[in-house]
Amino acid sequence: MSSPENAPVRLERDQQNAAVAVVTLNRPDRRNSLTVELKEALAGALSEVADDPGVRAVVLTGAGKSFCVGQDLGEHAEALRADPATAFDTVDRHYNPIVRALAGMPKPVVAAINGGAVGAGLGFALAADLRIAAEGASFGTAFAAIGLTADSGLSASLVHAVGASRAAELLLLAEPFDAEKALRLGLVRAVVPPAELLPAALDLARRLAAGPTAAYAEIKRGIALGAVAGLDETLAAEGAAQARLGLTGDHAGAVEAFLAKRRPVFEGK
């Protein structure tokens, strides 16, 4: 699993732990803005790591000084000139599948936000499970500034992360904010010096890669359901998920390890 240095998305394995895949958006000269080529490459990379049983955690980051500043507006302007009625087909064709791939990934995803995360870039970051930002990283919704509403799930993910009132502020005013505010809002779990960002994200991903992968997948599904479902449906889903996990070797081994007062070793199944 490796990609050419000039590929629009690089896909690599962590040299220290091959169970960790690193997906890097790779248009640093354009701040990793999203063209059709990059979006299709990202969707393909996410599908590959999702289907690979050897991958148990994923890091998503950007090359250069930006994480992702959203849609390439040059390409978007060309699409508008060609036919405004089809210019937004990319939402269904690209953005929605990418967000579903990240949010529904049956293994944890850590976003290492190395710089600007704007528009769909912010949406992709919030579709990850955990986020770490570099000092100096900037954030923004940006959509209202160009006369649009949100895409990439931000209408939901921001509400779930910061509440409806603060989400309205971020989307309506479209004011950029820094990494420290992102930390105060709870959008990221830590802010670290730029040189420490990827090591910190990899350390977190390695920790997750050594954990109960099947349980993580069920936890992700439970959180997604719990955000929109009623109590009875959530309780039923939790019970069914626990019954499924009760048949796994990871659960049985962890119970025996607990009784024997030793650390469990999870095999991810």
Protein backbone atom coordinates (compact mmCIF):
# COMPACT_ATOMS: atom_id res chain seq x y z
CA MET A 1 0.00 0.00 0.00
CA SER A 2 1.85 3.05 -1.28
CA SER A 3 1.26 5.82 -3.80
CA PRO A 4 3.52 7.91 -6.04
CA GLU A 5 4.78 11.13 -4.51
CA ASN A 6 2.82 13.21 -7.05
CA ALA A 7 -0.48 11.31 -6.68
CA PRO A 8 -3.46 13.57 -5.77
CA VAL A 9 -3.93 11.40 -2.68
CA ARG A 10 -1.09 9.45 -1.12
CA LEU A 11 -1.88 6.20 0.67
CA GLU A 12 0.85 4.72 2.86
CA ARG A 13 1.33 2.39 5.81
CA ASP A 14 2.89 3.65 9.01
CA GLN A 15 6.46 2.33 9.10
CA GLN A 16 6.22 1.59 12.83
CA ASN A 17 2.83 -0.11 12.74
CA ALA A 18 1.52 -1.48 9.46
CA ALA A 19 -2.01 -1.64 10.90
CA VAL A 20 -2.14 2.17 10.57
CA ALA A 21 -2.84 3.67 7.14
CA VAL A 22 -2.03 7.31 6.37
CA VAL A 23 -4.17 9.05 3.75
CA THR A 24 -2.71 12.39 2.62
CA LEU A 25 -4.44 14.95 0.42
CA ASN A 26 -1.68 15.97 -1.95
CA ARG A 27 -2.23 19.29 -3.75
CA PRO A 28 -0.06 21.42 -1.48
CA ASP A 29 0.41 24.15 -4.10
CA ARG A 30 -3.40 24.63 -4.15
CA ARG A 31 -3.91 24.17 -0.41
CA ASN A 32 -5.36 20.72 -1.08
CA SER A 33 -8.45 22.24 -2.68
CA LEU A 34 -10.78 19.64 -4.08
CA THR A 35 -10.88 18.86 -7.77
CA VAL A 36 -12.77 15.95 -9.29
CA GLU A 37 -9.46 14.11 -9.61
CA LEU A 38 -8.62 14.54 -5.93
CA LYS A 39 -12.14 13.69 -4.74
CA GLU A 40 -12.21 10.50 -6.77
CA ALA A 41 -8.74 9.54 -5.54
CA LEU A 42 -9.77 10.20 -1.93
CA ALA A 43 -12.93 8.12 -2.27
CA GLY A 44 -10.85 5.29 -3.74
CA ALA A 45 -8.25 5.46 -0.96
CA LEU A 46 -10.90 5.43 1.76
CA SER A 47 -12.64 2.47 0.15
CA GLU A 48 -9.32 0.61 0.00
CA VAL A 49 -8.46 1.11 3.67
CA ALA A 50 -12.03 0.33 4.75
CA ASP A 51 -11.91 -3.02 2.96
CA ASP A 52 -8.38 -3.95 4.08
CA PRO A 53 -8.57 -6.20 7.17
CA GLY A 54 -4.93 -5.43 7.89
CA VAL A 55 -5.75 -1.77 8.52
CA ARG A 56 -7.12 -1.10 12.00
CA ALA A 57 -6.80 2.69 12.20
CA VAL A 58 -6.49 5.53 9.70
CA VAL A 59 -4.85 8.96 9.78
CA LEU A 60 -6.20 11.62 7.39
CA THR A 61 -4.02 14.68 6.78
CA GLY A 62 -2.92 17.17 4.15
CA ALA A 63 0.39 17.82 2.42
CA GLY A 64 2.07 21.18 2.83
CA LYS A 65 0.64 23.97 4.94
CA SER A 66 -3.08 23.20 4.60
CA PHE A 67 -5.35 20.34 5.55
CA CYS A 68 -8.01 21.08 2.92
CA VAL A 69 -9.62 24.41 2.00
CA GLY A 70 -12.65 22.86 0.31
CA GLN A 71 -13.78 22.94 -3.29
CA ASP A 72 -11.38 24.20 -5.96
CA LEU A 73 -13.31 27.34 -6.94
CA GLY A 74 -11.60 27.59 -10.31
CA GLU A 75 -12.99 24.20 -11.29
CA HIS A 76 -16.35 25.11 -9.74
CA ALA A 77 -16.53 28.36 -11.74
CA GLU A 78 -15.96 26.39 -14.95
CA ALA A 79 -18.79 24.03 -14.01
CA LEU A 80 -21.10 26.98 -13.31
CA ARG A 81 -20.32 28.54 -16.67
CA ALA A 82 -20.92 25.25 -18.43
CA ASP A 83 -24.27 24.49 -16.73
CA PRO A 84 -25.36 25.78 -13.31
CA ALA A 85 -28.00 23.05 -13.18
CA THR A 86 -25.35 20.32 -13.04
CA ALA A 87 -22.54 22.19 -11.29
CA PHE A 88 -23.51 20.69 -7.94
CA ASP A 89 -23.74 17.07 -9.08
CA THR A 90 -20.40 16.65 -7.33
CA VAL A 91 -22.18 16.79 -3.96
CA ASP A 92 -23.94 13.48 -4.58
CA ARG A 93 -21.15 11.99 -6.68
CA HIS A 94 -18.19 12.88 -4.48
CA TYR A 95 -18.74 14.79 -1.25
CA ASN A 96 -21.48 12.63 0.22
CA PRO A 97 -19.70 9.30 -0.48
CA ILE A 98 -16.46 10.65 1.04
CA VAL A 99 -18.20 11.76 4.23
CA ARG A 100 -20.08 8.46 4.46
CA ALA A 101 -16.79 6.60 3.96
CA LEU A 102 -15.13 8.50 6.81
CA ALA A 103 -18.05 8.43 9.22
CA GLY A 104 -18.92 4.83 8.41
CA MET A 105 -15.36 3.52 8.32
CA PRO A 106 -15.42 0.30 10.39
CA LYS A 107 -12.24 1.40 12.15
CA PRO A 108 -11.19 4.66 13.83
CA VAL A 109 -10.12 7.69 11.78
CA VAL A 110 -7.84 10.39 13.21
CA ALA A 111 -7.69 13.73 11.38
CA ALA A 112 -4.30 15.43 11.67
CA ILE A 113 -5.21 19.02 10.81
CA ASN A 114 -1.94 20.56 9.70
CA GLY A 115 -3.34 23.86 8.40
CA GLY A 116 -6.47 25.38 6.93
CA ALA A 117 -9.61 23.24 7.25
CA VAL A 118 -12.31 25.16 5.45
CA GLY A 119 -15.66 24.31 3.88
CA ALA A 120 -15.70 20.67 2.84
CA GLY A 121 -12.26 20.34 4.41
CA LEU A 122 -13.83 21.10 7.78
CA GLY A 123 -16.63 18.67 6.93
CA PHE A 124 -14.12 15.91 6.23
CA ALA A 125 -12.28 16.63 9.48
CA LEU A 126 -15.52 16.43 11.48
CA ALA A 127 -16.43 13.16 9.76
CA ALA A 128 -13.32 11.67 11.36
CA ASP A 129 -13.62 10.26 14.86
CA LEU A 130 -10.84 12.20 16.58
CA ARG A 131 -8.98 15.34 15.58
CA ILE A 132 -5.63 16.90 16.49
CA ALA A 133 -4.66 20.34 15.16
CA ALA A 134 -1.35 22.03 14.63
CA GLU A 135 -0.72 25.40 16.21
CA GLY A 136 -1.54 27.99 13.56
CA ALA A 137 -4.18 25.87 11.84
CA SER A 138 -7.26 27.81 10.77
CA PHE A 139 -10.88 26.76 10.44
CA GLY A 140 -13.99 28.08 8.76
CA THR A 141 -17.28 27.14 7.15
CA ALA A 142 -17.01 29.65 4.27
CA PHE A 143 -20.22 28.60 2.49
CA ALA A 144 -22.28 31.70 3.30
CA ALA A 145 -19.43 33.88 2.06
CA ILE A 146 -20.06 32.56 -1.47
CA GLY A 147 -23.84 32.39 -1.20
CA LEU A 148 -24.18 28.71 -0.38
CA THR A 149 -25.36 26.48 2.42
CA ALA A 150 -23.19 23.74 3.87
CA ASP A 151 -22.23 20.43 2.35
CA SER A 152 -20.16 17.47 3.59
CA GLY A 153 -22.51 16.92 6.50
CA LEU A 154 -21.61 20.12 8.34
CA SER A 155 -25.27 20.94 8.99
CA ALA A 156 -25.35 17.85 11.21
CA SER A 157 -21.77 17.42 12.40
CA LEU A 158 -21.46 20.99 13.66
CA VAL A 159 -24.76 20.75 15.53
CA HIS A 160 -23.67 17.50 17.14
CA ALA A 161 -20.26 18.94 18.03
CA VAL A 162 -21.13 22.41 19.32
CA GLY A 163 -24.94 22.67 19.49
CA ALA A 164 -27.44 24.34 17.20
CA SER A 165 -26.86 27.91 18.40
CA ARG A 166 -23.10 27.84 17.93
CA ALA A 167 -23.45 25.94 14.65
CA ALA A 168 -25.73 28.71 13.36
CA GLU A 169 -23.11 31.29 14.34
CA LEU A 170 -20.33 29.41 12.56
CA LEU A 171 -22.39 28.82 9.41
CA LEU A 172 -24.22 32.15 9.13
CA LEU A 173 -21.30 34.45 9.92
CA ALA A 174 -18.68 32.25 8.23
CA GLU A 175 -15.98 33.83 10.36
CA PRO A 176 -12.63 32.02 10.38
CA PHE A 177 -11.32 30.81 13.71
CA ASP A 178 -8.05 29.47 15.00
CA ALA A 179 -6.93 26.18 16.51
CA GLU A 180 -7.28 27.42 20.08
CA LYS A 181 -10.94 28.29 19.50
CA ALA A 182 -11.43 24.91 17.84
CA LEU A 183 -10.05 23.36 21.03
CA ARG A 184 -12.37 25.43 23.24
CA LEU A 185 -15.33 24.42 21.09
CA GLY A 186 -14.38 20.76 21.43
CA LEU A 187 -13.79 20.31 17.70
CA VAL A 188 -10.25 19.02 18.33
CA ARG A 189 -8.87 17.05 21.25
CA ALA A 190 -5.43 18.72 21.27
CA VAL A 191 -3.37 21.47 19.67
CA VAL A 192 0.32 20.72 19.22
CA PRO A 193 3.34 22.34 17.55
CA PRO A 194 3.38 21.64 13.80
CA ALA A 195 6.42 19.37 14.03
CA GLU A 196 4.62 17.23 16.60
CA LEU A 197 1.31 16.90 14.74
CA LEU A 198 1.89 13.78 12.63
CA PRO A 199 3.77 11.94 15.41
CA ALA A 200 0.91 12.73 17.82
CA ALA A 201 -1.71 11.56 15.32
CA LEU A 202 0.25 8.39 14.58
CA ASP A 203 0.68 7.65 18.29
CA LEU A 204 -3.08 7.97 18.75
CA ALA A 205 -3.78 5.81 15.69
CA ARG A 206 -1.32 3.15 16.87
CA ARG A 207 -3.09 3.04 20.22
CA LEU A 208 -6.42 2.57 18.45
CA ALA A 209 -4.96 0.00 16.05
CA ALA A 210 -4.06 -2.13 19.07
CA GLY A 211 -7.61 -1.97 20.37
CA PRO A 212 -10.83 -3.94 19.77
CA THR A 213 -11.54 -3.02 16.14
CA ALA A 214 -14.92 -4.75 15.97
CA ALA A 215 -16.02 -2.93 19.13
CA TYR A 216 -14.86 0.38 17.69
CA ALA A 217 -16.98 -0.20 14.60
CA GLU A 218 -20.03 -0.87 16.77
CA ILE A 219 -19.28 2.19 18.91
CA LYS A 220 -19.18 4.36 15.78
CA ARG A 221 -22.49 2.96 14.57
CA GLY A 222 -24.02 3.48 18.02
CA ILE A 223 -22.92 7.11 18.22
CA ALA A 224 -24.29 7.82 14.73
CA LEU A 225 -27.63 6.24 15.61
CA GLY A 226 -27.81 7.81 19.06
CA ALA A 227 -27.46 11.28 17.54
CA VAL A 228 -30.71 10.92 15.61
CA ALA A 229 -32.75 8.07 17.16
CA GLY A 230 -34.99 7.82 20.18
CA LEU A 231 -34.07 6.06 23.40
CA ASP A 232 -35.89 2.81 22.66
CA GLU A 233 -34.26 2.41 19.25
CA THR A 234 -30.86 3.22 20.72
CA LEU A 235 -31.28 0.74 23.56
CA ALA A 236 -32.31 -2.00 21.14
CA ALA A 237 -29.34 -1.28 18.87
CA GLU A 238 -26.92 -1.32 21.82
CA GLY A 239 -28.23 -4.68 22.96
CA ALA A 240 -27.94 -6.20 19.50
CA ALA A 241 -24.42 -4.82 19.10
CA GLN A 242 -23.31 -6.21 22.45
CA ALA A 243 -24.72 -9.61 21.49
CA ARG A 244 -22.69 -9.54 18.27
CA LEU A 245 -19.53 -8.49 20.10
CA GLY A 246 -20.10 -11.19 22.71
CA LEU A 247 -19.24 -13.73 20.02
CA THR A 248 -15.86 -12.18 19.25
CA GLY A 249 -12.52 -13.50 20.37
CA ASP A 250 -11.54 -10.02 21.52
CA HIS A 251 -14.34 -9.92 24.09
CA ALA A 252 -13.74 -13.42 25.40
CA GLY A 253 -10.01 -12.85 25.62
CA ALA A 254 -10.44 -9.51 27.39
CA VAL A 255 -12.73 -11.03 30.03
CA GLU A 256 -10.25 -13.82 30.72
CA ALA A 257 -7.41 -11.30 30.84
CA PHE A 258 -9.32 -9.19 33.36
CA LEU A 259 -9.92 -12.22 35.59
CA ALA A 260 -6.27 -13.20 35.33
CA LYS A 261 -5.20 -9.61 36.09
CA ARG A 262 -3.26 -9.22 32.86
CA ARG A 263 -3.49 -6.75 29.99
CA PRO A 264 -5.73 -7.97 27.13
CA VAL A 265 -4.33 -8.36 23.64
CA PHE A 266 -6.86 -7.45 20.99
CA GLU A 267 -6.67 -9.01 17.54
CA GLY A 268 -9.37 -6.86 16.03
CA LYS A 269 -11.95 -9.61 15.64
